[in-house]
């Protein structure tokens, strides 16, 4: 059975983009140590594991965090 999504008809589903630490730093204006400290405190979204020591953040999750900070 197929799953239904909340995407309106006629609008293609956008794939989730993964963003590495350098772009995250640029987008939020924070340093690497601050990002990791805030993650430990629960103030910043956690990344997804890509394999080994490589991690990335989802663009949607990061955009939501930025929007929430601007409110």
N, C-alpha and C. Protein backbone atom coordinates (compact mmCIF):
# COMPACT_ATOMS: atom_id res chain seq x y z
N UNK A 1 0.84 -1.17 0.00
CA UNK A 1 0.00 0.00 0.00
C UNK A 1 0.89 1.24 0.00
N UNK A 2 0.55 2.25 -0.75
CA UNK A 2 1.38 3.44 -0.82
C UNK A 2 1.01 4.41 0.30
N UNK A 3 2.00 5.22 0.70
CA UNK A 3 1.78 6.20 1.75
C UNK A 3 1.37 7.52 1.13
N UNK A 4 0.48 8.23 1.80
CA UNK A 4 0.06 9.54 1.34
C UNK A 4 0.97 10.59 1.98
N UNK A 5 1.29 11.63 1.23
CA UNK A 5 2.11 12.70 1.76
C UNK A 5 1.29 13.98 1.80
N UNK A 6 1.79 15.00 2.47
CA UNK A 6 1.10 16.27 2.57
C UNK A 6 1.48 17.23 1.45
N UNK A 7 2.03 16.72 0.36
CA UNK A 7 2.43 17.55 -0.76
C UNK A 7 1.22 17.79 -1.64
N UNK A 8 0.88 19.07 -1.91
CA UNK A 8 -0.28 19.35 -2.77
C UNK A 8 -0.09 18.75 -4.16
N UNK A 9 -1.21 18.42 -4.80
CA UNK A 9 -1.15 17.86 -6.15
C UNK A 9 -0.52 18.85 -7.11
N UNK A 10 0.26 18.35 -8.03
CA UNK A 10 0.91 19.19 -9.03
C UNK A 10 2.22 19.80 -8.56
N UNK A 11 2.53 19.66 -7.28
CA UNK A 11 3.77 20.20 -6.74
C UNK A 11 4.72 19.04 -6.43
N UNK A 12 5.86 18.95 -7.11
CA UNK A 12 6.77 17.82 -6.88
C UNK A 12 7.37 17.88 -5.48
N UNK A 13 7.61 16.71 -4.90
CA UNK A 13 8.22 16.63 -3.58
C UNK A 13 9.70 16.99 -3.70
N UNK A 14 10.16 17.91 -2.85
CA UNK A 14 11.55 18.36 -2.88
C UNK A 14 12.40 17.42 -2.04
N UNK A 15 13.48 16.89 -2.59
CA UNK A 15 14.35 16.01 -1.80
C UNK A 15 15.05 16.80 -0.69
N UNK A 16 15.32 16.14 0.40
CA UNK A 16 16.02 16.77 1.52
C UNK A 16 17.49 16.94 1.17
N UNK A 17 17.98 18.14 1.35
CA UNK A 17 19.38 18.44 1.06
C UNK A 17 20.16 18.35 2.37
N UNK A 18 21.33 17.75 2.33
CA UNK A 18 22.19 17.65 3.50
C UNK A 18 23.28 18.71 3.42
N UNK A 19 23.52 19.37 4.56
CA UNK A 19 24.46 20.49 4.61
C UNK A 19 25.58 20.16 5.59
N UNK A 20 26.81 20.34 5.15
CA UNK A 20 27.97 20.07 5.99
C UNK A 20 28.28 21.27 6.88
N UNK A 21 29.18 21.09 7.82
CA UNK A 21 29.44 22.07 8.88
C UNK A 21 29.84 23.45 8.36
N UNK A 22 30.63 23.53 7.31
CA UNK A 22 31.08 24.84 6.81
C UNK A 22 29.90 25.69 6.37
N UNK A 23 28.96 25.09 5.66
CA UNK A 23 27.78 25.84 5.21
C UNK A 23 26.86 26.15 6.39
N UNK A 24 26.76 25.24 7.35
CA UNK A 24 25.95 25.49 8.55
C UNK A 24 26.51 26.71 9.27
N UNK A 25 27.82 26.77 9.46
CA UNK A 25 28.46 27.91 10.11
C UNK A 25 28.14 29.20 9.37
N UNK A 26 28.23 29.17 8.06
CA UNK A 26 27.97 30.35 7.25
C UNK A 26 26.51 30.79 7.39
N UNK A 27 25.58 29.85 7.35
CA UNK A 27 24.15 30.19 7.42
C UNK A 27 23.72 30.75 8.76
N UNK A 28 24.26 30.20 9.84
CA UNK A 28 23.80 30.63 11.17
C UNK A 28 24.72 31.65 11.82
N UNK A 29 25.90 31.86 11.28
CA UNK A 29 26.81 32.85 11.82
C UNK A 29 27.43 32.45 13.15
N UNK A 30 27.56 31.16 13.38
CA UNK A 30 28.16 30.65 14.61
C UNK A 30 29.41 29.85 14.29
N UNK A 31 30.32 29.77 15.25
CA UNK A 31 31.52 28.96 15.10
C UNK A 31 31.23 27.49 15.37
N UNK A 32 32.13 26.66 14.95
CA UNK A 32 31.99 25.21 15.11
C UNK A 32 31.81 24.80 16.58
N UNK A 33 32.64 25.36 17.47
CA UNK A 33 32.55 24.97 18.88
C UNK A 33 31.22 25.40 19.50
N UNK A 34 30.71 26.56 19.10
CA UNK A 34 29.41 27.02 19.61
C UNK A 34 28.29 26.11 19.13
N UNK A 35 28.34 25.70 17.87
CA UNK A 35 27.33 24.79 17.32
C UNK A 35 27.32 23.49 18.12
N UNK A 36 28.47 22.91 18.34
CA UNK A 36 28.53 21.64 19.07
C UNK A 36 28.17 21.80 20.55
N UNK A 37 28.51 22.92 21.15
CA UNK A 37 28.14 23.17 22.54
C UNK A 37 26.62 23.32 22.65
N UNK A 38 26.01 24.08 21.73
CA UNK A 38 24.56 24.25 21.74
C UNK A 38 23.84 22.94 21.45
N UNK A 39 24.43 22.09 20.62
CA UNK A 39 23.84 20.77 20.38
C UNK A 39 23.81 19.97 21.68
N UNK A 40 24.89 20.00 22.44
CA UNK A 40 24.97 19.27 23.70
C UNK A 40 23.96 19.81 24.71
N UNK A 41 23.64 21.10 24.62
CA UNK A 41 22.69 21.73 25.52
C UNK A 41 21.25 21.62 25.00
N UNK A 42 21.08 21.06 23.80
CA UNK A 42 19.75 20.92 23.22
C UNK A 42 19.22 22.19 22.58
N UNK A 43 20.10 23.14 22.29
CA UNK A 43 19.70 24.42 21.70
C UNK A 43 19.88 24.47 20.19
N UNK A 44 20.43 23.42 19.60
CA UNK A 44 20.71 23.41 18.16
C UNK A 44 20.40 22.03 17.63
N UNK A 45 19.87 21.95 16.40
CA UNK A 45 19.52 20.64 15.82
C UNK A 45 20.74 19.71 15.73
N UNK A 46 20.49 18.44 15.91
CA UNK A 46 21.55 17.43 15.81
C UNK A 46 21.70 16.99 14.35
N UNK A 47 22.91 16.67 13.94
CA UNK A 47 23.12 16.22 12.56
C UNK A 47 22.77 14.75 12.38
N UNK A 48 22.75 14.34 11.12
CA UNK A 48 22.58 12.92 10.80
C UNK A 48 23.96 12.35 10.49
N UNK A 49 24.16 11.11 10.85
CA UNK A 49 25.44 10.43 10.63
C UNK A 49 25.52 9.96 9.18
N UNK A 50 26.58 10.32 8.49
CA UNK A 50 26.76 9.90 7.10
C UNK A 50 27.62 8.66 6.98
N UNK A 51 28.40 8.39 8.00
CA UNK A 51 29.32 7.25 7.99
C UNK A 51 30.65 7.67 8.54
N UNK A 52 31.25 6.82 9.34
CA UNK A 52 32.52 7.19 9.96
C UNK A 52 32.32 8.40 10.86
N UNK A 53 33.10 9.44 10.65
CA UNK A 53 32.98 10.65 11.45
C UNK A 53 32.25 11.76 10.69
N UNK A 54 31.75 11.47 9.51
CA UNK A 54 31.08 12.47 8.69
C UNK A 54 29.62 12.66 9.12
N UNK A 55 29.24 13.93 9.33
CA UNK A 55 27.87 14.26 9.68
C UNK A 55 27.40 15.43 8.81
N UNK A 56 26.08 15.59 8.75
CA UNK A 56 25.49 16.70 8.01
C UNK A 56 24.13 17.01 8.62
N UNK A 57 23.68 18.23 8.42
CA UNK A 57 22.38 18.66 8.90
C UNK A 57 21.41 18.69 7.73
N UNK A 58 20.14 18.42 7.99
CA UNK A 58 19.15 18.52 6.92
C UNK A 58 18.80 19.99 6.74
N UNK A 59 18.67 20.41 5.50
CA UNK A 59 18.38 21.81 5.19
C UNK A 59 17.05 22.23 5.81
N UNK A 60 16.04 21.37 5.76
CA UNK A 60 14.73 21.70 6.32
C UNK A 60 14.81 21.96 7.82
N UNK A 61 15.53 21.10 8.53
CA UNK A 61 15.66 21.24 9.98
C UNK A 61 16.41 22.53 10.33
N UNK A 62 17.44 22.84 9.57
CA UNK A 62 18.22 24.05 9.81
C UNK A 62 17.38 25.30 9.51
N UNK A 63 16.63 25.28 8.41
CA UNK A 63 15.76 26.41 8.06
C UNK A 63 14.70 26.64 9.14
N UNK A 64 14.14 25.56 9.69
CA UNK A 64 13.15 25.68 10.77
C UNK A 64 13.78 26.31 12.00
N UNK A 65 15.01 25.92 12.35
CA UNK A 65 15.69 26.47 13.51
C UNK A 65 15.93 27.97 13.32
N UNK A 66 16.40 28.35 12.13
CA UNK A 66 16.65 29.76 11.83
C UNK A 66 15.36 30.56 11.92
N UNK A 67 14.28 30.05 11.36
CA UNK A 67 12.98 30.73 11.40
C UNK A 67 12.51 30.92 12.84
N UNK A 68 12.68 29.90 13.67
CA UNK A 68 12.25 29.98 15.06
C UNK A 68 13.05 31.05 15.81
N UNK A 69 14.33 31.20 15.48
CA UNK A 69 15.17 32.20 16.14
C UNK A 69 14.78 33.63 15.74
N UNK A 70 14.20 33.77 14.57
CA UNK A 70 13.84 35.10 14.06
C UNK A 70 12.49 35.57 14.61
N UNK A 71 11.74 34.68 15.24
CA UNK A 71 10.42 35.05 15.77
C UNK A 71 10.53 35.76 17.09
